[in-house]
Amino acid sequence: MAIFFYGLSPVFQKSALKRIPLPHLFFIHGCVIFILYSIIYVIFHDRPIDGNIIWAVFAGVSSLIGFIFFYEALKVGNASIVTAISSAYALVTVLLSMIFLKERITLIEIGGIVFIIFGIVSLNLSQLKNNNGKEKKVFNWKGILFPLLAAICWGAWGLFSKKAVSLAGEINTLVVFGIIAFIFFPLYGFIKLDRTKKIQFTKDYKLGILIGILSVCVVGTASFSFYFSVQFYRIAILAPIVSIYPGVTLIFSMLFLKEKINFKQIIFILLIILGVILLNITG
């Protein structure tokens, strides 16, 4: 279920951004994720919140900054490509674990790193060539840089989450994420809001609001499903399986968003997915 929801959420988010301004989606994300995780905490919490949540705070802040870059990239780029590039956060987590946790890297992980780097570089070069071709589309650097920055932030989130979940527990970690999102997402949305434009409550705008709410519920449910599954299955089995979610995004983006992805780009996206899977096999 986590694979499906993680893969589907960028499609909903991209669809929402076609109908509502980005700051409005930040407001929605902050409020909905706080309500959702608060409900989960009330139902499932099994330990008190203590000083160990500091790691969850670090994880929550890095995750939030990653989402800001992800949404900014999603506004201008293809959901399938942005999702594939940002999914390389596993590479960042491995590198940070080597540096700060003194973890050793395996040959399988080296192979994963090679696939991810080759896939990202090739994917970005293919976008540059497409924008320099006959179609004369204006190239937007956010579509390349921001997914990479999201991957770096989410890579740090992965490192902090390891400590947070082991010390504070899955549910406490989630509720801290919800509180941080509730504070900072609306604040960022308020800063980014264009106050010169009046909101037109058209049918399309209202539909965008509903899709935005649904997108946050989907990504929140995906996170809860993953953390809940960790209690019953080994992370070494779950992580590689969940890592294929960009493939789900690719399929739904082509079907429902009508994104035009050429054969080479599909291959590069699959290489990134394969690299992420290899990194998570021993993660």
Protein backbone atom coordinates (compact mmCIF):
# COMPACT_ATOMS: atom_id res chain seq x y z
CA MET A 1 0.00 0.00 0.00
CA ALA A 2 2.89 2.38 0.79
CA ILE A 3 4.29 1.86 -2.73
CA PHE A 4 0.98 2.77 -4.36
CA PHE A 5 0.34 5.83 -2.18
CA TYR A 6 3.91 7.17 -2.38
CA GLY A 7 3.79 6.79 -6.16
CA LEU A 8 0.32 8.30 -6.52
CA SER A 9 0.82 11.35 -4.28
CA PRO A 10 3.04 13.37 -6.72
CA VAL A 11 0.39 12.90 -9.42
CA PHE A 12 -2.28 14.38 -7.15
CA GLN A 13 0.09 17.17 -6.06
CA LYS A 14 0.92 18.09 -9.66
CA SER A 15 -2.78 18.01 -10.56
CA ALA A 16 -3.58 20.29 -7.60
CA LEU A 17 -0.84 22.76 -8.58
CA LYS A 18 -2.41 23.13 -12.01
CA ARG A 19 -5.52 24.55 -10.30
CA ILE A 20 -4.37 26.34 -7.14
CA PRO A 21 -1.36 28.54 -6.25
CA LEU A 22 1.59 26.85 -4.56
CA PRO A 23 1.19 28.78 -1.26
CA HIS A 24 -2.35 27.39 -0.92
CA LEU A 25 -0.99 23.85 -1.17
CA PHE A 26 1.47 24.65 1.64
CA PHE A 27 -1.44 25.76 3.84
CA ILE A 28 -3.31 22.55 3.01
CA HIS A 29 -0.29 20.33 3.64
CA GLY A 30 0.47 21.87 7.04
CA CYS A 31 -3.10 21.65 8.34
CA VAL A 32 -4.10 18.26 6.92
CA ILE A 33 -0.91 16.42 7.90
CA PHE A 34 -1.16 17.82 11.44
CA ILE A 35 -4.76 16.59 11.80
CA LEU A 36 -3.96 13.20 10.25
CA TYR A 37 -0.87 12.51 12.39
CA SER A 38 -2.61 13.77 15.53
CA ILE A 39 -5.40 11.23 14.97
CA ILE A 40 -2.83 8.49 14.40
CA TYR A 41 -1.02 9.50 17.59
CA VAL A 42 -4.20 9.41 19.70
CA ILE A 43 -5.11 5.94 18.40
CA PHE A 44 -1.73 4.21 18.20
CA HIS A 45 0.76 5.89 20.57
CA ASP A 46 2.37 3.43 22.97
CA ARG A 47 5.03 5.48 24.73
CA PRO A 48 5.29 9.01 26.19
CA ILE A 49 7.07 11.81 24.36
CA ASP A 50 10.46 12.53 25.94
CA GLY A 51 13.75 14.24 25.19
CA ASN A 52 14.56 11.77 22.43
CA ILE A 53 12.18 13.62 20.10
CA ILE A 54 14.99 16.07 19.33
CA TRP A 55 16.03 13.65 16.57
CA ALA A 56 12.45 13.70 15.27
CA VAL A 57 12.62 17.51 15.23
CA PHE A 58 15.80 17.39 13.13
CA ALA A 59 14.16 14.84 10.83
CA GLY A 60 10.96 16.88 10.60
CA VAL A 61 12.75 20.11 9.69
CA SER A 62 14.89 18.44 7.01
CA SER A 63 11.79 16.69 5.63
CA LEU A 64 9.88 19.99 5.53
CA ILE A 65 12.64 21.81 3.66
CA GLY A 66 12.81 18.88 1.25
CA PHE A 67 9.06 19.17 0.58
CA ILE A 68 9.44 22.90 -0.12
CA PHE A 69 12.03 22.19 -2.81
CA PHE A 70 9.95 19.26 -4.11
CA TYR A 71 6.79 21.34 -4.48
CA GLU A 72 8.69 24.20 -6.12
CA ALA A 73 10.15 21.71 -8.62
CA LEU A 74 6.80 19.99 -9.16
CA LYS A 75 5.24 23.33 -10.07
CA VAL A 76 7.47 23.66 -13.15
CA GLY A 77 8.61 20.10 -13.95
CA ASN A 78 7.18 16.72 -14.88
CA ALA A 79 5.98 14.75 -11.85
CA SER A 80 7.68 11.56 -13.07
CA ILE A 81 11.10 13.19 -13.57
CA VAL A 82 11.00 15.32 -10.40
CA THR A 83 9.97 12.28 -8.33
CA ALA A 84 12.71 10.10 -9.84
CA ILE A 85 15.46 12.63 -9.16
CA SER A 86 14.30 13.41 -5.61
CA SER A 87 14.05 9.69 -4.82
CA ALA A 88 17.86 9.66 -4.90
CA TYR A 89 17.77 10.79 -1.27
CA ALA A 90 18.74 7.19 -0.40
CA LEU A 91 22.15 7.96 -1.92
CA VAL A 92 22.54 11.00 0.38
CA THR A 93 21.50 8.95 3.42
CA VAL A 94 24.13 6.30 2.63
CA LEU A 95 26.86 8.91 2.20
CA LEU A 96 25.90 10.72 5.43
CA SER A 97 25.79 7.39 7.29
CA MET A 98 29.33 6.67 6.11
CA ILE A 99 30.55 10.05 7.33
CA PHE A 100 28.71 10.44 10.65
CA LEU A 101 27.74 6.90 11.66
CA LYS A 102 30.93 5.28 10.29
CA GLU A 103 28.87 2.71 8.41
CA ARG A 104 30.68 0.67 5.76
CA ILE A 105 29.58 0.75 2.14
CA THR A 106 29.07 -2.53 0.26
CA LEU A 107 29.70 -3.38 -3.39
CA ILE A 108 25.93 -3.50 -3.95
CA GLU A 109 25.61 0.03 -2.59
CA ILE A 110 28.47 1.19 -4.82
CA GLY A 111 26.57 -0.24 -7.78
CA GLY A 112 23.44 1.61 -6.65
CA ILE A 113 25.38 4.88 -6.39
CA VAL A 114 26.72 4.46 -9.93
CA PHE A 115 23.24 3.77 -11.34
CA ILE A 116 21.71 6.78 -9.54
CA ILE A 117 24.43 9.24 -10.58
CA PHE A 118 24.40 8.03 -14.18
CA GLY A 119 20.59 8.10 -14.31
CA ILE A 120 20.29 11.62 -12.84
CA VAL A 121 23.03 13.12 -15.03
CA SER A 122 21.62 11.49 -18.17
CA LEU A 123 18.06 12.50 -17.29
CA ASN A 124 19.06 16.12 -16.78
CA LEU A 125 21.10 16.18 -19.98
CA SER A 126 18.11 14.76 -21.88
CA GLN A 127 15.94 17.61 -20.54
CA LEU A 128 18.51 20.18 -21.66
CA LYS A 129 18.62 18.66 -25.16
CA ASN A 130 14.82 18.60 -25.35
CA ASN A 131 14.63 22.26 -24.39
CA ASN A 132 17.28 23.18 -26.98
CA GLY A 133 15.44 21.30 -29.71
CA LYS A 134 12.67 22.26 -32.09
CA GLU A 135 10.00 22.89 -29.48
CA LYS A 136 11.66 26.09 -28.12
CA LYS A 137 10.42 25.57 -24.60
CA VAL A 138 11.80 27.92 -21.94
CA PHE A 139 14.14 25.92 -19.75
CA ASN A 140 13.45 26.22 -16.02
CA TRP A 141 16.46 25.43 -13.83
CA LYS A 142 14.17 24.74 -10.86
CA GLY A 143 13.11 21.48 -12.50
CA ILE A 144 16.68 20.16 -12.14
CA LEU A 145 18.18 21.93 -9.12
CA PHE A 146 15.25 21.75 -6.72
CA PRO A 147 14.69 17.96 -6.95
CA LEU A 148 18.40 17.52 -6.18
CA LEU A 149 18.11 19.84 -3.16
CA ALA A 150 15.02 17.91 -2.07
CA ALA A 151 17.04 14.69 -2.30
CA ILE A 152 19.79 16.20 -0.12
CA CYS A 153 17.28 17.33 2.53
CA TRP A 154 15.42 14.01 2.49
CA GLY A 155 18.76 12.23 2.70
CA ALA A 156 19.41 14.07 5.96
CA TRP A 157 15.85 13.19 7.00
CA GLY A 158 16.68 9.51 6.45
CA LEU A 159 19.72 9.77 8.72
CA PHE A 160 17.84 11.62 11.49
CA SER A 161 14.82 9.31 11.17
CA LYS A 162 16.97 6.27 11.93
CA LYS A 163 17.83 7.78 15.29
CA ALA A 164 14.35 9.20 15.90
CA VAL A 165 12.48 5.95 15.28
CA SER A 166 14.92 3.88 17.36
CA LEU A 167 14.83 6.27 20.32
CA ALA A 168 11.39 7.92 20.22
CA GLY A 169 9.31 5.40 18.27
CA GLU A 170 7.46 5.56 14.95
CA ILE A 171 4.26 7.24 16.19
CA ASN A 172 6.02 9.92 18.24
CA THR A 173 8.20 10.68 15.22
CA LEU A 174 5.15 11.10 13.01
CA VAL A 175 3.33 13.44 15.39
CA VAL A 176 6.43 15.65 15.65
CA PHE A 177 6.47 15.80 11.84
CA GLY A 178 2.82 16.90 11.97
CA ILE A 179 3.48 19.67 14.51
CA ILE A 180 6.45 21.03 12.55
CA ALA A 181 4.48 20.96 9.30
CA PHE A 182 1.54 22.76 10.97
CA ILE A 183 3.84 25.56 12.15
CA PHE A 184 6.16 26.09 9.21
CA PHE A 185 4.23 25.12 6.04
CA PRO A 186 1.51 27.78 6.53
CA LEU A 187 4.21 30.29 7.49
CA TYR A 188 6.13 29.62 4.27
CA GLY A 189 2.88 29.74 2.32
CA PHE A 190 2.04 33.12 3.87
CA ILE A 191 5.46 34.49 2.90
CA LYS A 192 5.10 33.22 -0.68
CA LEU A 193 1.48 34.34 -1.06
CA ASP A 194 0.78 36.91 -3.78
CA ARG A 195 -1.57 39.32 -1.98
CA THR A 196 -2.25 41.34 -5.14
CA LYS A 197 -4.30 38.50 -6.61
CA LYS A 198 -7.80 37.82 -5.35
CA ILE A 199 -8.92 34.23 -4.96
CA GLN A 200 -11.51 33.23 -7.55
CA PHE A 201 -13.61 30.43 -6.10
CA THR A 202 -14.21 28.74 -9.41
CA LYS A 203 -15.09 25.08 -9.83
CA ASP A 204 -11.53 24.42 -10.96
CA TYR A 205 -10.11 26.12 -7.84
CA LYS A 206 -12.42 24.16 -5.54
CA LEU A 207 -11.44 20.95 -7.33
CA GLY A 208 -7.77 21.87 -6.81
CA ILE A 209 -8.38 22.30 -3.08
CA LEU A 210 -10.01 18.86 -2.87
CA ILE A 211 -7.19 17.24 -4.86
CA GLY A 212 -4.63 19.01 -2.65
CA ILE A 213 -6.29 17.66 0.51
CA LEU A 214 -6.41 14.20 -1.04
CA SER A 215 -2.73 14.38 -2.02
CA VAL A 216 -1.66 15.15 1.56
CA CYS A 217 -3.89 12.38 2.95
CA VAL A 218 -2.32 9.98 0.46
CA VAL A 219 1.30 10.84 1.33
CA GLY A 220 0.47 10.82 5.06
CA THR A 221 -1.15 7.41 4.77
CA ALA A 222 1.86 6.14 2.83
CA SER A 223 4.24 7.25 5.61
CA PHE A 224 2.07 5.70 8.30
CA SER A 225 1.77 2.45 6.31
CA PHE A 226 5.53 2.23 5.98
CA TYR A 227 6.26 2.94 9.65
CA PHE A 228 3.48 0.57 10.73
CA SER A 229 4.84 -2.21 8.50
CA VAL A 230 8.30 -1.85 10.06
CA GLN A 231 6.84 -3.39 13.23
CA PHE A 232 6.07 -6.65 11.39
CA TYR A 233 8.64 -6.91 8.60
CA ARG A 234 12.37 -6.34 8.39
CA ILE A 235 13.42 -2.97 6.98
CA ALA A 236 15.84 -4.82 4.70
CA ILE A 237 12.79 -6.30 2.94
CA LEU A 238 10.46 -3.30 3.07
CA ALA A 239 12.83 -0.55 1.91
CA PRO A 240 13.76 -2.09 -1.48
CA ILE A 241 10.10 -2.82 -2.22
CA VAL A 242 8.87 0.69 -1.36
CA SER A 243 11.75 2.17 -3.39
CA ILE A 244 9.99 1.36 -6.66
CA TYR A 245 7.36 4.06 -6.03
CA PRO A 246 8.82 6.43 -8.72
CA GLY A 247 7.83 3.74 -11.22
CA VAL A 248 4.22 4.05 -10.03
CA THR A 249 4.48 7.84 -10.43
CA LEU A 250 5.84 7.38 -13.96
CA ILE A 251 2.89 5.20 -14.98
CA PHE A 252 0.20 7.43 -13.46
CA SER A 253 1.85 10.61 -14.79
CA MET A 254 1.72 9.29 -18.33
CA LEU A 255 -1.86 8.01 -17.93
CA PHE A 256 -3.54 10.86 -16.05
CA LEU A 257 -1.30 13.93 -16.44
CA LYS A 258 -0.50 13.11 -20.09
CA GLU A 259 3.18 13.83 -19.49
CA LYS A 260 5.36 13.23 -22.52
CA ILE A 261 8.31 11.07 -21.52
CA ASN A 262 10.51 9.64 -24.26
CA PHE A 263 11.98 6.15 -24.23
CA LYS A 264 15.47 7.29 -23.16
CA GLN A 265 14.05 9.22 -20.21
CA ILE A 266 12.07 6.16 -19.12
CA ILE A 267 15.30 4.13 -19.17
CA PHE A 268 17.12 6.78 -17.11
CA ILE A 269 14.26 6.88 -14.58
CA LEU A 270 14.36 3.09 -14.28
CA LEU A 271 18.14 3.23 -13.71
CA ILE A 272 17.60 5.67 -10.83
CA ILE A 273 14.92 3.38 -9.37
CA LEU A 274 17.24 0.37 -9.70
CA GLY A 275 20.03 2.30 -7.96
CA VAL A 276 17.72 3.28 -5.09
CA ILE A 277 16.60 -0.34 -4.71
CA LEU A 278 20.24 -1.53 -4.56
CA LEU A 279 21.02 1.08 -1.89
CA ASN A 280 18.06 -0.06 0.20
CA ILE A 281 18.78 -3.79 -0.08
CA THR A 282 21.39 -3.48 2.64
CA GLY A 283 19.99 -0.29 4.16
